[in-house]
Amino acid sequence: MHLLKQLNDLRLTTAEILYHMPDHPGLLQTFVWQDYDRAPEYPELRRFLDFWQRELDGPLHSVKVAGQKLIVPGETRFAEAYLTLH
């Protein structure tokens, strides 16, 4: 399943969600959400934020999103020496 997610261009997505505490609206609390999602639409994150706004009491303040592709080109480095063993 993990390979299928990689091949479908899903990214490991992390969102830092700041929200107002229901009992103390002047205070902000942090929640970190992480899942596999597709950039730039982020449908899974959008579903989660829709759920949050519909079902939870703490109003959202801001959301920061970071994502990392799961399959990236390999890094190529040239060796500084060539050794042959007999």
PDB file of N, CA and C in Angstrom:
ATOM      1  N   MET A   1       0.819  -1.194   0.000  1.00  0.00           N
ATOM      2  CA  MET A   1       0.000   0.000   0.000  1.00  0.00           C
ATOM      3  C   MET A   1       0.864   1.258   0.000  1.00  0.00           C
ATOM      4  N   HIS A   2       1.979   1.246   0.740  1.00  0.00           N
ATOM      5  CA  HIS A   2       2.859   2.402   0.817  1.00  0.00           C
ATOM      6  C   HIS A   2       3.439   2.718  -0.563  1.00  0.00           C
ATOM      7  N   LEU A   3       3.846   1.700  -1.319  1.00  0.00           N
ATOM      8  CA  LEU A   3       4.390   1.907  -2.665  1.00  0.00           C
ATOM      9  C   LEU A   3       3.320   2.496  -3.582  1.00  0.00           C
ATOM     10  N   LEU A   4       2.094   2.037  -3.468  1.00  0.00           N
ATOM     11  CA  LEU A   4       1.002   2.571  -4.283  1.00  0.00           C
ATOM     12  C   LEU A   4       0.794   4.063  -3.999  1.00  0.00           C
ATOM     13  N   LYS A   5       0.889   4.453  -2.745  1.00  0.00           N
ATOM     14  CA  LYS A   5       0.771   5.874  -2.390  1.00  0.00           C
ATOM     15  C   LYS A   5       1.897   6.672  -3.031  1.00  0.00           C
ATOM     16  N   GLN A   6       3.099   6.124  -3.010  1.00  0.00           N
ATOM     17  CA  GLN A   6       4.238   6.811  -3.602  1.00  0.00           C
ATOM     18  C   GLN A   6       4.049   6.982  -5.101  1.00  0.00           C
ATOM     19  N   LEU A   7       3.594   5.935  -5.770  1.00  0.00           N
ATOM     20  CA  LEU A   7       3.435   5.981  -7.211  1.00  0.00           C
ATOM     21  C   LEU A   7       2.286   6.896  -7.634  1.00  0.00           C
ATOM     22  N   ASN A   8       1.326   7.128  -6.751  1.00  0.00           N
ATOM     23  CA  ASN A   8       0.220   8.039  -7.043  1.00  0.00           C
ATOM     24  C   ASN A   8       0.545   9.480  -6.656  1.00  0.00           C
ATOM     25  N   ASP A   9       1.824   9.764  -6.437  1.00  0.00           N
ATOM     26  CA  ASP A   9       2.319  11.110  -6.133  1.00  0.00           C
ATOM     27  C   ASP A   9       1.737  11.692  -4.853  1.00  0.00           C
ATOM     28  N   LEU A  10       1.466  10.845  -3.875  1.00  0.00           N
ATOM     29  CA  LEU A  10       1.048  11.355  -2.573  1.00  0.00           C
ATOM     30  C   LEU A  10       2.280  11.838  -1.816  1.00  0.00           C
ATOM     31  N   ARG A  11       2.086  12.805  -0.984  1.00  0.00           N
ATOM     32  CA  ARG A  11       3.179  13.366  -0.194  1.00  0.00           C
ATOM     33  C   ARG A  11       2.865  13.198   1.285  1.00  0.00           C
ATOM     34  N   LEU A  12       3.910  13.031   2.055  1.00  0.00           N
ATOM     35  CA  LEU A  12       3.739  13.070   3.502  1.00  0.00           C
ATOM     36  C   LEU A  12       3.516  14.536   3.853  1.00  0.00           C
ATOM     37  N   THR A  13       2.325  14.856   4.312  1.00  0.00           N
ATOM     38  CA  THR A  13       1.918  16.238   4.542  1.00  0.00           C
ATOM     39  C   THR A  13       1.746  16.471   6.037  1.00  0.00           C
ATOM     40  N   THR A  14       2.313  17.572   6.504  1.00  0.00           N
ATOM     41  CA  THR A  14       2.187  17.960   7.901  1.00  0.00           C
ATOM     42  C   THR A  14       1.560  19.345   7.956  1.00  0.00           C
ATOM     43  N   ALA A  15       0.567  19.511   8.799  1.00  0.00           N
ATOM     44  CA  ALA A  15      -0.081  20.812   8.979  1.00  0.00           C
ATOM     45  C   ALA A  15      -0.002  21.206  10.447  1.00  0.00           C
ATOM     46  N   GLU A  16       0.460  22.428  10.674  1.00  0.00           N
ATOM     47  CA  GLU A  16       0.442  22.992  12.016  1.00  0.00           C
ATOM     48  C   GLU A  16      -0.804  23.880  12.088  1.00  0.00           C
ATOM     49  N   ILE A  17      -1.734  23.497  12.941  1.00  0.00           N
ATOM     50  CA  ILE A  17      -3.019  24.186  13.045  1.00  0.00           C
ATOM     51  C   ILE A  17      -3.044  24.974  14.352  1.00  0.00           C
ATOM     52  N   LEU A  18      -3.232  26.275  14.238  1.00  0.00           N
ATOM     53  CA  LEU A  18      -3.420  27.116  15.419  1.00  0.00           C
ATOM     54  C   LEU A  18      -4.912  27.400  15.551  1.00  0.00           C
ATOM     55  N   TYR A  19      -5.434  27.233  16.757  1.00  0.00           N
ATOM     56  CA  TYR A  19      -6.857  27.470  16.976  1.00  0.00           C
ATOM     57  C   TYR A  19      -7.074  28.162  18.315  1.00  0.00           C
ATOM     58  N   HIS A  20      -8.178  28.868  18.408  1.00  0.00           N
ATOM     59  CA  HIS A  20      -8.548  29.552  19.654  1.00  0.00           C
ATOM     60  C   HIS A  20      -9.167  28.539  20.610  1.00  0.00           C
ATOM     61  N   MET A  21      -8.718  28.568  21.846  1.00  0.00           N
ATOM     62  CA  MET A  21      -9.294  27.661  22.834  1.00  0.00           C
ATOM     63  C   MET A  21     -10.738  28.089  23.104  1.00  0.00           C
ATOM     64  N   PRO A  22     -11.672  27.134  23.152  1.00  0.00           N
ATOM     65  CA  PRO A  22     -13.094  27.471  23.321  1.00  0.00           C
ATOM     66  C   PRO A  22     -13.392  28.265  24.600  1.00  0.00           C
ATOM     67  N   ASP A  23     -12.769  27.898  25.725  1.00  0.00           N
ATOM     68  CA  ASP A  23     -13.056  28.570  26.996  1.00  0.00           C
ATOM     69  C   ASP A  23     -12.263  29.863  27.185  1.00  0.00           C
ATOM     70  N   HIS A  24     -11.170  30.006  26.420  1.00  0.00           N
ATOM     71  CA  HIS A  24     -10.303  31.191  26.525  1.00  0.00           C
ATOM     72  C   HIS A  24      -9.932  31.644  25.111  1.00  0.00           C
ATOM     73  N   PRO A  25     -10.830  32.341  24.426  1.00  0.00           N
ATOM     74  CA  PRO A  25     -10.625  32.699  23.020  1.00  0.00           C
ATOM     75  C   PRO A  25      -9.369  33.532  22.757  1.00  0.00           C
ATOM     76  N   GLY A  26      -8.830  34.170  23.781  1.00  0.00           N
ATOM     77  CA  GLY A  26      -7.610  34.957  23.606  1.00  0.00           C
ATOM     78  C   GLY A  26      -6.349  34.104  23.548  1.00  0.00           C
ATOM     79  N   LEU A  27      -6.469  32.819  23.896  1.00  0.00           N
ATOM     80  CA  LEU A  27      -5.322  31.919  23.874  1.00  0.00           C
ATOM     81  C   LEU A  27      -5.358  31.029  22.643  1.00  0.00           C
ATOM     82  N   LEU A  28      -4.174  30.795  22.078  1.00  0.00           N
ATOM     83  CA  LEU A  28      -4.062  29.897  20.926  1.00  0.00           C
ATOM     84  C   LEU A  28      -3.435  28.582  21.352  1.00  0.00           C
ATOM     85  N   GLN A  29      -3.906  27.518  20.772  1.00  0.00           N
ATOM     86  CA  GLN A  29      -3.387  26.165  21.001  1.00  0.00           C
ATOM     87  C   GLN A  29      -2.904  25.620  19.657  1.00  0.00           C
ATOM     88  N   THR A  30      -1.912  24.747  19.681  1.00  0.00           N
ATOM     89  CA  THR A  30      -1.374  24.148  18.459  1.00  0.00           C
ATOM     90  C   THR A  30      -1.797  22.695  18.355  1.00  0.00           C
ATOM     91  N   PHE A  31      -2.164  22.294  17.155  1.00  0.00           N
ATOM     92  CA  PHE A  31      -2.465  20.897  16.846  1.00  0.00           C
ATOM     93  C   PHE A  31      -1.679  20.541  15.591  1.00  0.00           C
ATOM     94  N   VAL A  32      -1.005  19.394  15.600  1.00  0.00           N
ATOM     95  CA  VAL A  32      -0.239  18.959  14.433  1.00  0.00           C
ATOM     96  C   VAL A  32      -0.956  17.782  13.789  1.00  0.00           C
ATOM     97  N   TRP A  33      -1.245  17.919  12.503  1.00  0.00           N
ATOM     98  CA  TRP A  33      -1.927  16.886  11.711  1.00  0.00           C
ATOM     99  C   TRP A  33      -0.941  16.362  10.681  1.00  0.00           C
ATOM    100  N   GLN A  34      -0.935  15.035  10.465  1.00  0.00           N
ATOM    101  CA  GLN A  34      -0.040  14.454   9.465  1.00  0.00           C
ATOM    102  C   GLN A  34      -0.724  13.282   8.781  1.00  0.00           C
ATOM    103  N   ASP A  35      -0.620  13.256   7.441  1.00  0.00           N
ATOM    104  CA  ASP A  35      -1.211  12.181   6.659  1.00  0.00           C
ATOM    105  C   ASP A  35      -0.624  12.250   5.256  1.00  0.00           C
ATOM    106  N   TYR A  36      -0.925  11.250   4.446  1.00  0.00           N
ATOM    107  CA  TYR A  36      -0.532  11.286   3.041  1.00  0.00           C
ATOM    108  C   TYR A  36      -1.592  12.058   2.274  1.00  0.00           C
ATOM    109  N   ASP A  37      -1.138  13.010   1.440  1.00  0.00           N
ATOM    110  CA  ASP A  37      -2.085  13.861   0.730  1.00  0.00           C
ATOM    111  C   ASP A  37      -1.488  14.272  -0.609  1.00  0.00           C
ATOM    112  N   ARG A  38      -2.324  14.810  -1.463  1.00  0.00           N
ATOM    113  CA  ARG A  38      -1.908  15.181  -2.816  1.00  0.00           C
ATOM    114  C   ARG A  38      -1.863  16.707  -2.939  1.00  0.00           C
ATOM    115  N   ALA A  39      -0.665  17.238  -3.229  1.00  0.00           N
ATOM    116  CA  ALA A  39      -0.501  18.687  -3.406  1.00  0.00           C
ATOM    117  C   ALA A  39      -0.897  19.059  -4.826  1.00  0.00           C
ATOM    118  N   PRO A  40      -1.333  20.246  -5.108  1.00  0.00           N
ATOM    119  CA  PRO A  40      -1.537  21.365  -4.181  1.00  0.00           C
ATOM    120  C   PRO A  40      -2.964  21.450  -3.641  1.00  0.00           C
ATOM    121  N   GLU A  41      -3.836  20.509  -4.003  1.00  0.00           N
ATOM    122  CA  GLU A  41      -5.233  20.592  -3.547  1.00  0.00           C
ATOM    123  C   GLU A  41      -5.400  20.162  -2.094  1.00  0.00           C
ATOM    124  N   TYR A  42      -4.600  19.208  -1.641  1.00  0.00           N
ATOM    125  CA  TYR A  42      -4.663  18.667  -0.277  1.00  0.00           C
ATOM    126  C   TYR A  42      -6.084  18.260   0.115  1.00  0.00           C
ATOM    127  N   PRO A  43      -6.685  17.305  -0.580  1.00  0.00           N
ATOM    128  CA  PRO A  43      -8.074  16.925  -0.273  1.00  0.00           C
ATOM    129  C   PRO A  43      -8.252  16.326   1.127  1.00  0.00           C
ATOM    130  N   GLU A  44      -7.282  15.556   1.603  1.00  0.00           N
ATOM    131  CA  GLU A  44      -7.415  14.963   2.949  1.00  0.00           C
ATOM    132  C   GLU A  44      -7.372  16.045   4.020  1.00  0.00           C
ATOM    133  N   LEU A  45      -6.467  16.979   3.876  1.00  0.00           N
ATOM    134  CA  LEU A  45      -6.378  18.077   4.843  1.00  0.00           C
ATOM    135  C   LEU A  45      -7.649  18.920   4.804  1.00  0.00           C
ATOM    136  N   ARG A  46      -8.155  19.182   3.628  1.00  0.00           N
ATOM    137  CA  ARG A  46      -9.396  19.967   3.503  1.00  0.00           C
ATOM    138  C   ARG A  46     -10.566  19.247   4.185  1.00  0.00           C
ATOM    139  N   ARG A  47     -10.645  17.917   4.006  1.00  0.00           N
ATOM    140  CA  ARG A  47     -11.703  17.144   4.683  1.00  0.00           C
ATOM    141  C   ARG A  47     -11.581  17.270   6.197  1.00  0.00           C
ATOM    142  N   PHE A  48     -10.334  17.177   6.677  1.00  0.00           N
ATOM    143  CA  PHE A  48     -10.112  17.283   8.115  1.00  0.00           C
ATOM    144  C   PHE A  48     -10.497  18.671   8.625  1.00  0.00           C
ATOM    145  N   LEU A  49     -10.099  19.724   7.902  1.00  0.00           N
ATOM    146  CA  LEU A  49     -10.430  21.086   8.338  1.00  0.00           C
ATOM    147  C   LEU A  49     -11.936  21.352   8.262  1.00  0.00           C
ATOM    148  N   ASP A  50     -12.600  20.783   7.262  1.00  0.00           N
ATOM    149  CA  ASP A  50     -14.065  20.901   7.188  1.00  0.00           C
ATOM    150  C   ASP A  50     -14.721  20.237   8.397  1.00  0.00           C
ATOM    151  N   PHE A  51     -14.222  19.038   8.751  1.00  0.00           N
ATOM    152  CA  PHE A  51     -14.714  18.339   9.947  1.00  0.00           C
ATOM    153  C   PHE A  51     -14.486  19.196  11.188  1.00  0.00           C
ATOM    154  N   TRP A  52     -13.288  19.770  11.288  1.00  0.00           N
ATOM    155  CA  TRP A  52     -12.943  20.604  12.456  1.00  0.00           C
ATOM    156  C   TRP A  52     -13.946  21.749  12.595  1.00  0.00           C
ATOM    157  N   GLN A  53     -14.172  22.475  11.516  1.00  0.00           N
ATOM    158  CA  GLN A  53     -15.057  23.630  11.577  1.00  0.00           C
ATOM    159  C   GLN A  53     -16.515  23.240  11.844  1.00  0.00           C
ATOM    160  N   ARG A  54     -16.898  22.063  11.376  1.00  0.00           N
ATOM    161  CA  ARG A  54     -18.272  21.598  11.547  1.00  0.00           C
ATOM    162  C   ARG A  54     -18.519  21.015  12.940  1.00  0.00           C
ATOM    163  N   GLU A  55     -17.543  20.290  13.499  1.00  0.00           N
ATOM    164  CA  GLU A  55     -17.777  19.489  14.707  1.00  0.00           C
ATOM    165  C   GLU A  55     -17.086  19.976  15.972  1.00  0.00           C
ATOM    166  N   LEU A  56     -16.023  20.755  15.865  1.00  0.00           N
ATOM    167  CA  LEU A  56     -15.257  21.132  17.059  1.00  0.00           C
ATOM    168  C   LEU A  56     -15.505  22.585  17.433  1.00  0.00           C
ATOM    169  N   ASP A  57     -15.298  22.886  18.722  1.00  0.00           N
ATOM    170  CA  ASP A  57     -15.609  24.221  19.238  1.00  0.00           C
ATOM    171  C   ASP A  57     -14.495  25.245  19.026  1.00  0.00           C
ATOM    172  N   GLY A  58     -13.261  24.819  18.921  1.00  0.00           N
ATOM    173  CA  GLY A  58     -12.147  25.757  18.811  1.00  0.00           C
ATOM    174  C   GLY A  58     -12.024  26.350  17.414  1.00  0.00           C
ATOM    175  N   PRO A  59     -12.359  27.642  17.229  1.00  0.00           N
ATOM    176  CA  PRO A  59     -12.266  28.252  15.899  1.00  0.00           C
ATOM    177  C   PRO A  59     -10.819  28.292  15.400  1.00  0.00           C
ATOM    178  N   LEU A  60     -10.643  28.045  14.119  1.00  0.00           N
ATOM    179  CA  LEU A  60      -9.311  28.045  13.526  1.00  0.00           C
ATOM    180  C   LEU A  60      -8.742  29.459  13.459  1.00  0.00           C
ATOM    181  N   HIS A  61      -7.459  29.551  13.701  1.00  0.00           N
ATOM    182  CA  HIS A  61      -6.755  30.828  13.562  1.00  0.00           C
ATOM    183  C   HIS A  61      -5.919  30.810  12.287  1.00  0.00           C
ATOM    184  N   SER A  62      -5.081  29.761  12.126  1.00  0.00           N
ATOM    185  CA  SER A  62      -4.232  29.660  10.930  1.00  0.00           C
ATOM    186  C   SER A  62      -3.773  28.223  10.742  1.00  0.00           C
ATOM    187  N   VAL A  63      -3.350  27.930   9.512  1.00  0.00           N
ATOM    188  CA  VAL A  63      -2.855  26.591   9.171  1.00  0.00           C
ATOM    189  C   VAL A  63      -1.598  26.758   8.320  1.00  0.00           C
ATOM    190  N   LYS A  64      -0.503  26.118   8.743  1.00  0.00           N
ATOM    191  CA  LYS A  64       0.728  26.082   7.960  1.00  0.00           C
ATOM    192  C   LYS A  64       0.905  24.668   7.447  1.00  0.00           C
ATOM    193  N   VAL A  65       1.225  24.533   6.153  1.00  0.00           N
ATOM    194  CA  VAL A  65       1.315  23.216   5.533  1.00  0.00           C
ATOM    195  C   VAL A  65       2.720  23.001   4.978  1.00  0.00           C
ATOM    196  N   ALA A  66       3.248  21.801   5.206  1.00  0.00           N
ATOM    197  CA  ALA A  66       4.532  21.400   4.623  1.00  0.00           C
ATOM    198  C   ALA A  66       4.350  20.000   4.053  1.00  0.00           C
ATOM    199  N   GLY A  67       4.975  19.741   2.913  1.00  0.00           N
ATOM    200  CA  GLY A  67       4.860  18.418   2.304  1.00  0.00           C
ATOM    201  C   GLY A  67       6.190  17.966   1.740  1.00  0.00           C
ATOM    202  N   GLN A  68       6.389  16.672   1.711  1.00  0.00           N
ATOM    203  CA  GLN A  68       7.605  16.088   1.170  1.00  0.00           C
ATOM    204  C   GLN A  68       7.228  14.962   0.237  1.00  0.00           C
ATOM    205  N   LYS A  69       7.713  15.051  -1.018  1.00  0.00           N
ATOM    206  CA  LYS A  69       7.472  13.952  -1.954  1.00  0.00           C
ATOM    207  C   LYS A  69       8.089  12.671  -1.405  1.00  0.00           C
ATOM    208  N   LEU A  70       7.446  11.565  -1.683  1.00  0.00           N
ATOM    209  CA  LEU A  70       7.956  10.283  -1.184  1.00  0.00           C
ATOM    210  C   LEU A  70       8.972   9.682  -2.141  1.00  0.00           C
ATOM    211  N   ILE A  71       8.814   9.943  -3.422  1.00  0.00           N
ATOM    212  CA  ILE A  71       9.785   9.468  -4.405  1.00  0.00           C
ATOM    213  C   ILE A  71      10.471  10.692  -4.989  1.00  0.00           C
ATOM    214  N   VAL A  72      11.763  10.779  -4.790  1.00  0.00           N
ATOM    215  CA  VAL A  72      12.539  11.902  -5.303  1.00  0.00           C
ATOM    216  C   VAL A  72      13.734  11.350  -6.069  1.00  0.00           C
ATOM    217  N   PRO A  73      14.277  12.125  -6.990  1.00  0.00           N
ATOM    218  CA  PRO A  73      15.458  11.649  -7.706  1.00  0.00           C
ATOM    219  C   PRO A  73      16.598  11.373  -6.737  1.00  0.00           C
ATOM    220  N   GLY A  74      17.343  10.338  -7.032  1.00  0.00           N
ATOM    221  CA  GLY A  74      18.478  10.005  -6.189  1.00  0.00           C
ATOM    222  C   GLY A  74      19.582  11.039  -6.320  1.00  0.00           C
ATOM    223  N   GLU A  75      20.347  11.176  -5.282  1.00  0.00           N
ATOM    224  CA  GLU A  75      21.461  12.107  -5.314  1.00  0.00           C
ATOM    225  C   GLU A  75      22.675  11.362  -5.844  1.00  0.00           C
ATOM    226  N   THR A  76      23.308  11.903  -6.872  1.00  0.00           N
ATOM    227  CA  THR A  76      24.467  11.259  -7.480  1.00  0.00           C
ATOM    228  C   THR A  76      25.725  12.004  -7.079  1.00  0.00           C
ATOM    229  N   ARG A  77      26.700  11.244  -6.594  1.00  0.00           N
ATOM    230  CA  ARG A  77      28.001  11.829  -6.268  1.00  0.00           C
ATOM    231  C   ARG A  77      29.063  10.978  -6.931  1.00  0.00           C
ATOM    232  N   PHE A  78      30.072  11.605  -7.422  1.00  0.00           N
ATOM    233  CA  PHE A  78      31.175  10.887  -8.046  1.00  0.00           C
ATOM    234  C   PHE A  78      32.216  10.545  -6.998  1.00  0.00           C
ATOM    235  N   ALA A  79      32.746   9.328  -7.117  1.00  0.00           N
ATOM    236  CA  ALA A  79      33.787   8.896  -6.198  1.00  0.00           C
ATOM    237  C   ALA A  79      35.083   9.634  -6.515  1.00  0.00           C
ATOM    238  N   GLU A  80      35.875   9.891  -5.487  1.00  0.00           N
ATOM    239  CA  GLU A  80      37.142  10.579  -5.702  1.00  0.00           C
ATOM    240  C   GLU A  80      38.254   9.602  -6.033  1.00  0.00           C
ATOM    241  N   ALA A  81      37.991   8.319  -5.923  1.00  0.00           N
ATOM    242  CA  ALA A  81      39.024   7.315  -6.220  1.00  0.00           C
ATOM    243  C   ALA A  81      38.356   6.113  -6.857  1.00  0.00           C
ATOM    244  N   TYR A  82      39.128   5.428  -7.678  1.00  0.00           N
ATOM    245  CA  TYR A  82      38.651   4.202  -8.313  1.00  0.00           C
ATOM    246  C   TYR A  82      39.618   3.110  -7.884  1.00  0.00           C
ATOM    247  N   LEU A  83      39.107   2.118  -7.177  1.00  0.00           N
ATOM    248  CA  LEU A  83      39.965   1.051  -6.652  1.00  0.00           C
ATOM    249  C   LEU A  83      39.564  -0.272  -7.290  1.00  0.00           C
ATOM    250  N   THR A  84      40.551  -1.064  -7.630  1.00  0.00           N
ATOM    251  CA  THR A  84      40.311  -2.386  -8.176  1.00  0.00           C
ATOM    252  C   THR A  84      40.911  -3.422  -7.242  1.00  0.00           C
ATOM    253  N   LEU A  85      40.112  -4.417  -6.880  1.00  0.00           N
ATOM    254  CA  LEU A  85      40.590  -5.518  -6.036  1.00  0.00           C
ATOM    255  C   LEU A  85      40.703  -6.771  -6.872  1.00  0.00           C
ATOM    256  N   HIS A  86      41.768  -7.546  -6.670  1.00  0.00           N
ATOM    257  CA  HIS A  86      41.945  -8.795  -7.406  1.00  0.00           C
ATOM    258  C   HIS A  86      41.349  -9.939  -6.652  1.00  0.00           C
TER     259      HIS A  86
END
